């Protein structure tokens, strides 16, 4: 991918295949482009490969899962590259996994969890700057500032989900990948999160959201990629591209 293309395209997949440690293909021959400032909804039945695709593109491939064919560029980085540049993808891509809200580190405070993407990369982090950034994210996601000193077990499921989202936003990523990012959120919290994602998109970020909510395609003015058994079943724009393939399973923010 050329430097010019990298500034206008967030993700480019060409005949991408992803396999597990046994060589079984979980995603097979997927092709799509996610332009800068755009949104993509990825849907499909359980086992279709949508969560695997999202994790791999965000640089969080599960153990033993790897690119097995084709090519993918994420924020200008080829997923076929090894070493520091590929590991650095975590700086550019914020990721909220399907179970992240339920699996927050139990021994860390909320402030430590949200700040970890920064404090885990800097040898001597500025504690005051980190605290201010954490407070800003808590406020943006309509969470009490006092939550910073609490532990995950003291939070509701919806609060834990928003903490996971705040952690993914800590470094102001250019790409936000969310697997059922609106899970466990009530209508008001969905609106708050949707607005937070919209602000980042307006500032230049791109969105890739795994969900079977058809209406989300229109809410985010998104392209839609529907997978079945790892293959592309449908690809187009808006809810019209998904109807007949996905169910109306949730209310969009």
C-alpha atoms as a PDB file:
ATOM      1  CA  UNK A   1       0.000   0.000   0.000  1.00  0.00           C
ATOM      2  CA  UNK A   2       1.378   3.416  -0.983  1.00  0.00           C
ATOM      3  CA  UNK A   3       1.756   6.259   1.511  1.00  0.00           C
ATOM      4  CA  UNK A   4      -0.986   8.234  -0.276  1.00  0.00           C
ATOM      5  CA  UNK A   5      -3.393   5.315  -0.049  1.00  0.00           C
ATOM      6  CA  UNK A   6      -2.625   4.843   3.657  1.00  0.00           C
ATOM      7  CA  UNK A   7      -3.881   8.371   4.370  1.00  0.00           C
ATOM      8  CA  UNK A   8      -7.254   7.737   2.689  1.00  0.00           C
ATOM      9  CA  UNK A   9      -7.836   4.057   3.520  1.00  0.00           C
ATOM     10  CA  UNK A  10      -8.020   2.614   7.023  1.00  0.00           C
ATOM     11  CA  UNK A  11      -8.376  -1.089   6.110  1.00  0.00           C
ATOM     12  CA  UNK A  12      -7.817  -2.822   2.790  1.00  0.00           C
ATOM     13  CA  UNK A  13      -8.400  -6.577   2.533  1.00  0.00           C
ATOM     14  CA  UNK A  14      -7.777  -8.510  -0.672  1.00  0.00           C
ATOM     15  CA  UNK A  15      -8.788 -12.190  -0.787  1.00  0.00           C
ATOM     16  CA  UNK A  16      -7.902 -12.389   2.920  1.00  0.00           C
ATOM     17  CA  UNK A  17      -7.910 -15.809   4.562  1.00  0.00           C
ATOM     18  CA  UNK A  18      -7.338 -16.506   8.263  1.00  0.00           C
ATOM     19  CA  UNK A  19      -6.592 -19.927   9.747  1.00  0.00           C
ATOM     20  CA  UNK A  20      -6.127 -21.449  13.199  1.00  0.00           C
ATOM     21  CA  UNK A  21      -3.151 -23.476  14.436  1.00  0.00           C
ATOM     22  CA  UNK A  22      -4.478 -26.630  12.738  1.00  0.00           C
ATOM     23  CA  UNK A  23      -4.715 -24.917   9.357  1.00  0.00           C
ATOM     24  CA  UNK A  24      -8.517 -24.762   9.381  1.00  0.00           C
ATOM     25  CA  UNK A  25      -9.668 -21.599   7.655  1.00  0.00           C
ATOM     26  CA  UNK A  26     -11.883 -19.407   9.818  1.00  0.00           C
ATOM     27  CA  UNK A  27     -12.136 -16.621   7.222  1.00  0.00           C
ATOM     28  CA  UNK A  28     -11.744 -17.441   3.536  1.00  0.00           C
ATOM     29  CA  UNK A  29     -11.255 -15.030   0.627  1.00  0.00           C
ATOM     30  CA  UNK A  30     -12.716 -11.825   2.112  1.00  0.00           C
ATOM     31  CA  UNK A  31     -12.239  -8.589   0.174  1.00  0.00           C
ATOM     32  CA  UNK A  32     -13.302  -5.084   1.232  1.00  0.00           C
ATOM     33  CA  UNK A  33     -12.020  -1.526   1.741  1.00  0.00           C
ATOM     34  CA  UNK A  34     -12.766   0.738   4.703  1.00  0.00           C
ATOM     35  CA  UNK A  35     -11.994   4.350   3.722  1.00  0.00           C
ATOM     36  CA  UNK A  36     -10.825   6.917   6.274  1.00  0.00           C
ATOM     37  CA  UNK A  37     -13.695   8.388   8.377  1.00  0.00           C
ATOM     38  CA  UNK A  38     -16.031   5.605   7.230  1.00  0.00           C
ATOM     39  CA  UNK A  39     -17.818   2.828   9.104  1.00  0.00           C
ATOM     40  CA  UNK A  40     -18.206  -0.892   8.406  1.00  0.00           C
ATOM     41  CA  UNK A  41     -20.711  -3.205  10.076  1.00  0.00           C
ATOM     42  CA  UNK A  42     -19.679  -6.884  10.098  1.00  0.00           C
ATOM     43  CA  UNK A  43     -22.433  -9.408  10.788  1.00  0.00           C
ATOM     44  CA  UNK A  44     -23.261 -13.062  10.460  1.00  0.00           C
ATOM     45  CA  UNK A  45     -24.304 -16.098  12.440  1.00  0.00           C
ATOM     46  CA  UNK A  46     -22.300 -17.537  15.324  1.00  0.00           C
ATOM     47  CA  UNK A  47     -19.192 -19.187  13.903  1.00  0.00           C
ATOM     48  CA  UNK A  48     -19.234 -17.117  10.710  1.00  0.00           C
ATOM     49  CA  UNK A  49     -15.759 -15.699  11.403  1.00  0.00           C
ATOM     50  CA  UNK A  50     -16.785 -12.112  12.113  1.00  0.00           C
ATOM     51  CA  UNK A  51     -15.162 -11.902  15.566  1.00  0.00           C
ATOM     52  CA  UNK A  52     -11.988 -13.560  14.291  1.00  0.00           C
ATOM     53  CA  UNK A  53     -11.783 -11.107  11.403  1.00  0.00           C
ATOM     54  CA  UNK A  54     -12.211  -8.132  13.744  1.00  0.00           C
ATOM     55  CA  UNK A  55      -9.603  -9.349  16.239  1.00  0.00           C
ATOM     56  CA  UNK A  56      -7.015 -10.072  13.548  1.00  0.00           C
ATOM     57  CA  UNK A  57      -7.499  -6.709  11.831  1.00  0.00           C
ATOM     58  CA  UNK A  58      -7.151  -4.940  15.177  1.00  0.00           C
ATOM     59  CA  UNK A  59      -3.827  -6.687  15.793  1.00  0.00           C
ATOM     60  CA  UNK A  60      -5.284  -8.895  18.547  1.00  0.00           C
ATOM     61  CA  UNK A  61      -5.260 -12.291  16.848  1.00  0.00           C
ATOM     62  CA  UNK A  62      -5.961 -15.156  19.290  1.00  0.00           C
ATOM     63  CA  UNK A  63      -3.128 -17.599  19.936  1.00  0.00           C
ATOM     64  CA  UNK A  64      -2.411 -19.694  16.851  1.00  0.00           C
ATOM     65  CA  UNK A  65      -4.683 -17.656  14.556  1.00  0.00           C
ATOM     66  CA  UNK A  66      -2.871 -16.125  11.590  1.00  0.00           C
ATOM     67  CA  UNK A  67      -3.229 -14.716   8.077  1.00  0.00           C
ATOM     68  CA  UNK A  68      -3.160 -17.739   5.787  1.00  0.00           C
ATOM     69  CA  UNK A  69      -3.718 -16.165   2.385  1.00  0.00           C
ATOM     70  CA  UNK A  70      -4.335 -12.920   0.584  1.00  0.00           C
ATOM     71  CA  UNK A  71      -3.336  -9.584   2.063  1.00  0.00           C
ATOM     72  CA  UNK A  72      -4.592  -7.017   4.545  1.00  0.00           C
ATOM     73  CA  UNK A  73      -3.315  -3.521   5.273  1.00  0.00           C
ATOM     74  CA  UNK A  74      -4.477  -1.800   8.450  1.00  0.00           C
ATOM     75  CA  UNK A  75      -3.485   1.846   8.879  1.00  0.00           C
ATOM     76  CA  UNK A  76      -0.785   1.283   6.284  1.00  0.00           C
ATOM     77  CA  UNK A  77       0.665  -1.795   7.994  1.00  0.00           C
ATOM     78  CA  UNK A  78       0.605  -5.195   6.298  1.00  0.00           C
ATOM     79  CA  UNK A  79      -0.658  -7.943   8.600  1.00  0.00           C
ATOM     80  CA  UNK A  80       1.905 -10.226   6.995  1.00  0.00           C
ATOM     81  CA  UNK A  81       4.715  -8.199   8.586  1.00  0.00           C
ATOM     82  CA  UNK A  82       6.298  -9.354  11.807  1.00  0.00           C
ATOM     83  CA  UNK A  83       7.965  -7.598  14.689  1.00  0.00           C
ATOM     84  CA  UNK A  84       7.715  -4.102  16.112  1.00  0.00           C
ATOM     85  CA  UNK A  85       5.681  -2.462  13.364  1.00  0.00           C
ATOM     86  CA  UNK A  86       2.917  -5.052  13.584  1.00  0.00           C
ATOM     87  CA  UNK A  87       2.933  -4.925  17.389  1.00  0.00           C
ATOM     88  CA  UNK A  88       2.609  -1.150  17.132  1.00  0.00           C
ATOM     89  CA  UNK A  89      -0.754  -1.573  15.452  1.00  0.00           C
ATOM     90  CA  UNK A  90      -2.242  -1.460  18.952  1.00  0.00           C
ATOM     91  CA  UNK A  91      -1.411   2.248  19.073  1.00  0.00           C
ATOM     92  CA  UNK A  92      -3.417   3.010  15.947  1.00  0.00           C
ATOM     93  CA  UNK A  93      -6.278   0.555  16.457  1.00  0.00           C
ATOM     94  CA  UNK A  94      -8.486   0.684  19.547  1.00  0.00           C
ATOM     95  CA  UNK A  95     -10.205  -2.650  20.164  1.00  0.00           C
ATOM     96  CA  UNK A  96     -13.160  -3.710  22.296  1.00  0.00           C
ATOM     97  CA  UNK A  97     -13.523  -7.483  22.270  1.00  0.00           C
ATOM     98  CA  UNK A  98     -16.812  -9.255  22.798  1.00  0.00           C
ATOM     99  CA  UNK A  99     -16.009 -10.226  26.395  1.00  0.00           C
ATOM    100  CA  UNK A 100     -13.802  -7.281  27.361  1.00  0.00           C
ATOM    101  CA  UNK A 101     -16.349  -5.639  29.621  1.00  0.00           C
ATOM    102  CA  UNK A 102     -16.816  -8.852  31.589  1.00  0.00           C
ATOM    103  CA  UNK A 103     -13.107  -9.667  31.852  1.00  0.00           C
ATOM    104  CA  UNK A 104     -11.545  -6.433  33.110  1.00  0.00           C
ATOM    105  CA  UNK A 105      -8.439  -7.059  35.270  1.00  0.00           C
ATOM    106  CA  UNK A 106      -9.971  -7.587  38.730  1.00  0.00           C
ATOM    107  CA  UNK A 107      -6.962  -6.320  40.714  1.00  0.00           C
ATOM    108  CA  UNK A 108      -6.685  -2.994  38.886  1.00  0.00           C
ATOM    109  CA  UNK A 109      -8.749   0.105  39.549  1.00  0.00           C
ATOM    110  CA  UNK A 110     -10.867   1.593  36.785  1.00  0.00           C
ATOM    111  CA  UNK A 111      -8.339   4.412  36.386  1.00  0.00           C
ATOM    112  CA  UNK A 112      -5.490   1.946  36.002  1.00  0.00           C
ATOM    113  CA  UNK A 113      -7.457  -0.132  33.481  1.00  0.00           C
ATOM    114  CA  UNK A 114      -8.355   2.829  31.279  1.00  0.00           C
ATOM    115  CA  UNK A 115      -4.843   4.276  31.468  1.00  0.00           C
ATOM    116  CA  UNK A 116      -3.057   0.974  30.741  1.00  0.00           C
ATOM    117  CA  UNK A 117      -2.703   1.449  26.944  1.00  0.00           C
ATOM    118  CA  UNK A 118      -0.545   4.494  27.757  1.00  0.00           C
ATOM    119  CA  UNK A 119       1.155   3.498  31.015  1.00  0.00           C
ATOM    120  CA  UNK A 120       2.015   0.085  29.558  1.00  0.00           C
ATOM    121  CA  UNK A 121       4.011   1.725  26.760  1.00  0.00           C
ATOM    122  CA  UNK A 122       5.748   4.589  28.535  1.00  0.00           C
ATOM    123  CA  UNK A 123       8.604   3.986  30.951  1.00  0.00           C
ATOM    124  CA  UNK A 124       7.833   6.983  33.173  1.00  0.00           C
ATOM    125  CA  UNK A 125       4.265   8.099  32.525  1.00  0.00           C
ATOM    126  CA  UNK A 126       3.063  11.479  33.744  1.00  0.00           C
ATOM    127  CA  UNK A 127       0.590  10.452  36.421  1.00  0.00           C
ATOM    128  CA  UNK A 128      -1.286  13.745  36.409  1.00  0.00           C
ATOM    129  CA  UNK A 129      -1.675  13.744  32.620  1.00  0.00           C
ATOM    130  CA  UNK A 130      -2.944  10.158  32.690  1.00  0.00           C
ATOM    131  CA  UNK A 131      -5.426  10.967  35.474  1.00  0.00           C
ATOM    132  CA  UNK A 132      -6.755  13.947  33.515  1.00  0.00           C
ATOM    133  CA  UNK A 133      -7.152  11.851  30.381  1.00  0.00           C
ATOM    134  CA  UNK A 134      -8.965   9.122  32.337  1.00  0.00           C
ATOM    135  CA  UNK A 135     -11.267  11.714  33.922  1.00  0.00           C
ATOM    136  CA  UNK A 136     -12.051  13.165  30.485  1.00  0.00           C
ATOM    137  CA  UNK A 137     -13.026   9.744  29.119  1.00  0.00           C
ATOM    138  CA  UNK A 138     -15.160   8.904  32.151  1.00  0.00           C
ATOM    139  CA  UNK A 139     -16.986  12.196  31.756  1.00  0.00           C
ATOM    140  CA  UNK A 140     -17.470  11.699  28.010  1.00  0.00           C
ATOM    141  CA  UNK A 141     -18.985   8.256  28.576  1.00  0.00           C
ATOM    142  CA  UNK A 142     -21.283   9.539  31.344  1.00  0.00           C
ATOM    143  CA  UNK A 143     -19.497   7.680  34.132  1.00  0.00           C
ATOM    144  CA  UNK A 144     -18.923   9.257  37.576  1.00  0.00           C
ATOM    145  CA  UNK A 145     -15.384  10.558  38.067  1.00  0.00           C
ATOM    146  CA  UNK A 146     -15.254   8.674  41.395  1.00  0.00           C
ATOM    147  CA  UNK A 147     -15.287   5.408  39.437  1.00  0.00           C
ATOM    148  CA  UNK A 148     -11.570   5.845  38.749  1.00  0.00           C
ATOM    149  CA  UNK A 149     -10.751   4.547  42.248  1.00  0.00           C
ATOM    150  CA  UNK A 150     -13.176   1.612  42.149  1.00  0.00           C
ATOM    151  CA  UNK A 151     -12.608  -1.998  41.063  1.00  0.00           C
ATOM    152  CA  UNK A 152     -14.522  -3.861  38.336  1.00  0.00           C
ATOM    153  CA  UNK A 153     -16.558  -5.959  40.809  1.00  0.00           C
ATOM    154  CA  UNK A 154     -18.087  -2.725  42.143  1.00  0.00           C
ATOM    155  CA  UNK A 155     -19.514  -1.787  38.719  1.00  0.00           C
ATOM    156  CA  UNK A 156     -22.626  -2.827  36.819  1.00  0.00           C
ATOM    157  CA  UNK A 157     -22.268  -4.713  33.521  1.00  0.00           C
ATOM    158  CA  UNK A 158     -23.060  -1.532  31.572  1.00  0.00           C
ATOM    159  CA  UNK A 159     -20.439   0.443  33.476  1.00  0.00           C
ATOM    160  CA  UNK A 160     -17.812  -2.240  32.871  1.00  0.00           C
ATOM    161  CA  UNK A 161     -18.595  -2.158  29.155  1.00  0.00           C
ATOM    162  CA  UNK A 162     -18.076   1.614  29.048  1.00  0.00           C
ATOM    163  CA  UNK A 163     -14.797   1.225  30.953  1.00  0.00           C
ATOM    164  CA  UNK A 164     -13.635  -1.224  28.254  1.00  0.00           C
ATOM    165  CA  UNK A 165     -14.636   1.327  25.606  1.00  0.00           C
ATOM    166  CA  UNK A 166     -12.778   4.107  27.422  1.00  0.00           C
ATOM    167  CA  UNK A 167      -9.648   1.937  27.532  1.00  0.00           C
ATOM    168  CA  UNK A 168      -9.885   1.425  23.761  1.00  0.00           C
ATOM    169  CA  UNK A 169     -10.163   5.192  23.238  1.00  0.00           C
ATOM    170  CA  UNK A 170      -7.277   6.110  25.555  1.00  0.00           C
ATOM    171  CA  UNK A 171      -4.726   6.650  22.765  1.00  0.00           C
ATOM    172  CA  UNK A 172      -7.132   8.409  20.356  1.00  0.00           C
ATOM    173  CA  UNK A 173      -6.882   5.553  17.813  1.00  0.00           C
ATOM    174  CA  UNK A 174      -7.276   6.145  14.093  1.00  0.00           C
ATOM    175  CA  UNK A 175      -9.301   2.924  13.846  1.00  0.00           C
ATOM    176  CA  UNK A 176     -11.871   1.705  16.382  1.00  0.00           C
ATOM    177  CA  UNK A 177     -12.823  -1.968  16.196  1.00  0.00           C
ATOM    178  CA  UNK A 178     -15.706  -3.046  18.416  1.00  0.00           C
ATOM    179  CA  UNK A 179     -17.145  -6.550  18.755  1.00  0.00           C
ATOM    180  CA  UNK A 180     -20.694  -6.087  20.099  1.00  0.00           C
ATOM    181  CA  UNK A 181     -19.499  -2.778  21.520  1.00  0.00           C
ATOM    182  CA  UNK A 182     -23.032  -1.766  22.581  1.00  0.00           C
ATOM    183  CA  UNK A 183     -23.690  -4.969  24.541  1.00  0.00           C
ATOM    184  CA  UNK A 184     -25.046  -4.537  28.103  1.00  0.00           C
ATOM    185  CA  UNK A 185     -25.811  -0.855  27.504  1.00  0.00           C
ATOM    186  CA  UNK A 186     -29.198   0.749  28.046  1.00  0.00           C
ATOM    187  CA  UNK A 187     -30.702   3.170  25.542  1.00  0.00           C
ATOM    188  CA  UNK A 188     -29.119   6.266  27.120  1.00  0.00           C
ATOM    189  CA  UNK A 189     -25.669   4.676  27.369  1.00  0.00           C
ATOM    190  CA  UNK A 190     -25.926   3.573  23.741  1.00  0.00           C
ATOM    191  CA  UNK A 191     -26.626   7.151  22.746  1.00  0.00           C
ATOM    192  CA  UNK A 192     -23.612   8.391  24.735  1.00  0.00           C
ATOM    193  CA  UNK A 193     -21.288   5.793  23.196  1.00  0.00           C
ATOM    194  CA  UNK A 194     -22.674   6.423  19.716  1.00  0.00           C
ATOM    195  CA  UNK A 195     -21.968  10.143  20.082  1.00  0.00           C
ATOM    196  CA  UNK A 196     -18.433   9.451  21.325  1.00  0.00           C
ATOM    197  CA  UNK A 197     -17.764   7.274  18.282  1.00  0.00           C
ATOM    198  CA  UNK A 198     -19.293   9.912  16.021  1.00  0.00           C
ATOM    199  CA  UNK A 199     -16.977  12.615  17.382  1.00  0.00           C
ATOM    200  CA  UNK A 200     -13.924  10.491  16.679  1.00  0.00           C
ATOM    201  CA  UNK A 201     -15.121   9.676  13.213  1.00  0.00           C
ATOM    202  CA  UNK A 202     -15.624  13.382  12.502  1.00  0.00           C
ATOM    203  CA  UNK A 203     -12.036  13.917  13.671  1.00  0.00           C
ATOM    204  CA  UNK A 204     -10.704  11.328  11.203  1.00  0.00           C
ATOM    205  CA  UNK A 205     -11.124   7.898  12.812  1.00  0.00           C
ATOM    206  CA  UNK A 206     -12.727   4.896  11.105  1.00  0.00           C
ATOM    207  CA  UNK A 207     -15.117   2.365  12.660  1.00  0.00           C
ATOM    208  CA  UNK A 208     -15.416  -1.403  12.250  1.00  0.00           C
ATOM    209  CA  UNK A 209     -18.267  -2.752  14.360  1.00  0.00           C
ATOM    210  CA  UNK A 210     -19.309  -6.392  14.719  1.00  0.00           C
ATOM    211  CA  UNK A 211     -23.071  -6.566  15.233  1.00  0.00           C
ATOM    212  CA  UNK A 212     -26.188  -8.172  13.804  1.00  0.00           C
ATOM    213  CA  UNK A 213     -28.212  -5.004  14.380  1.00  0.00           C
ATOM    214  CA  UNK A 214     -29.442  -4.050  10.912  1.00  0.00           C
ATOM    215  CA  UNK A 215     -30.425  -0.546  11.989  1.00  0.00           C
ATOM    216  CA  UNK A 216     -26.859   0.194  13.112  1.00  0.00           C
ATOM    217  CA  UNK A 217     -25.893   0.263   9.436  1.00  0.00           C
ATOM    218  CA  UNK A 218     -28.092   3.320   8.911  1.00  0.00           C
ATOM    219  CA  UNK A 219     -27.297   4.874  12.302  1.00  0.00           C
ATOM    220  CA  UNK A 220     -23.588   4.898  11.414  1.00  0.00           C
ATOM    221  CA  UNK A 221     -24.126   5.381   7.647  1.00  0.00           C
ATOM    222  CA  UNK A 222     -22.035   2.247   7.287  1.00  0.00           C
ATOM    223  CA  UNK A 223     -21.110  -0.318   4.702  1.00  0.00           C
ATOM    224  CA  UNK A 224     -22.184  -3.854   5.628  1.00  0.00           C
ATOM    225  CA  UNK A 225     -20.200  -7.079   5.298  1.00  0.00           C
ATOM    226  CA  UNK A 226     -22.127 -10.275   6.090  1.00  0.00           C
ATOM    227  CA  UNK A 227     -20.165 -13.500   6.580  1.00  0.00           C
ATOM    228  CA  UNK A 228     -21.277 -17.117   6.475  1.00  0.00           C
ATOM    229  CA  UNK A 229     -18.857 -19.910   7.369  1.00  0.00           C
ATOM    230  CA  UNK A 230     -15.960 -17.510   6.772  1.00  0.00           C
ATOM    231  CA  UNK A 231     -17.091 -16.464   3.295  1.00  0.00           C
ATOM    232  CA  UNK A 232     -18.671 -13.205   2.137  1.00  0.00           C
ATOM    233  CA  UNK A 233     -22.442 -13.621   1.906  1.00  0.00           C
ATOM    234  CA  UNK A 234     -23.321  -9.972   1.256  1.00  0.00           C
ATOM    235  CA  UNK A 235     -21.454  -6.681   0.931  1.00  0.00           C
ATOM    236  CA  UNK A 236     -23.026  -3.293   0.334  1.00  0.00           C
ATOM    237  CA  UNK A 237     -24.123  -0.058   1.980  1.00  0.00           C
ATOM    238  CA  UNK A 238     -26.723   0.556   4.659  1.00  0.00           C
ATOM    239  CA  UNK A 239     -29.472  -1.623   6.066  1.00  0.00           C
ATOM    240  CA  UNK A 240     -30.740  -2.541   2.598  1.00  0.00           C
ATOM    241  CA  UNK A 241     -27.539  -4.554   2.077  1.00  0.00           C
ATOM    242  CA  UNK A 242     -28.158  -6.571   5.244  1.00  0.00           C
ATOM    243  CA  UNK A 243     -31.901  -7.193   5.253  1.00  0.00           C
ATOM    244  CA  UNK A 244     -32.634 -10.827   4.534  1.00  0.00           C
ATOM    245  CA  UNK A 245     -29.222 -11.808   5.917  1.00  0.00           C
ATOM    246  CA  UNK A 246     -29.329 -10.301   9.420  1.00  0.00           C
ATOM    247  CA  UNK A 247     -32.071  -9.979  11.987  1.00  0.00           C
ATOM    248  CA  UNK A 248     -33.181  -6.775  13.672  1.00  0.00           C
ATOM    249  CA  UNK A 249     -31.713  -7.868  16.988  1.00  0.00           C
ATOM    250  CA  UNK A 250     -31.101  -4.578  18.751  1.00  0.00           C
ATOM    251  CA  UNK A 251     -31.868  -0.882  18.839  1.00  0.00           C
ATOM    252  CA  UNK A 252     -29.243   1.345  17.254  1.00  0.00           C
ATOM    253  CA  UNK A 253     -27.825   4.231  19.283  1.00  0.00           C
END
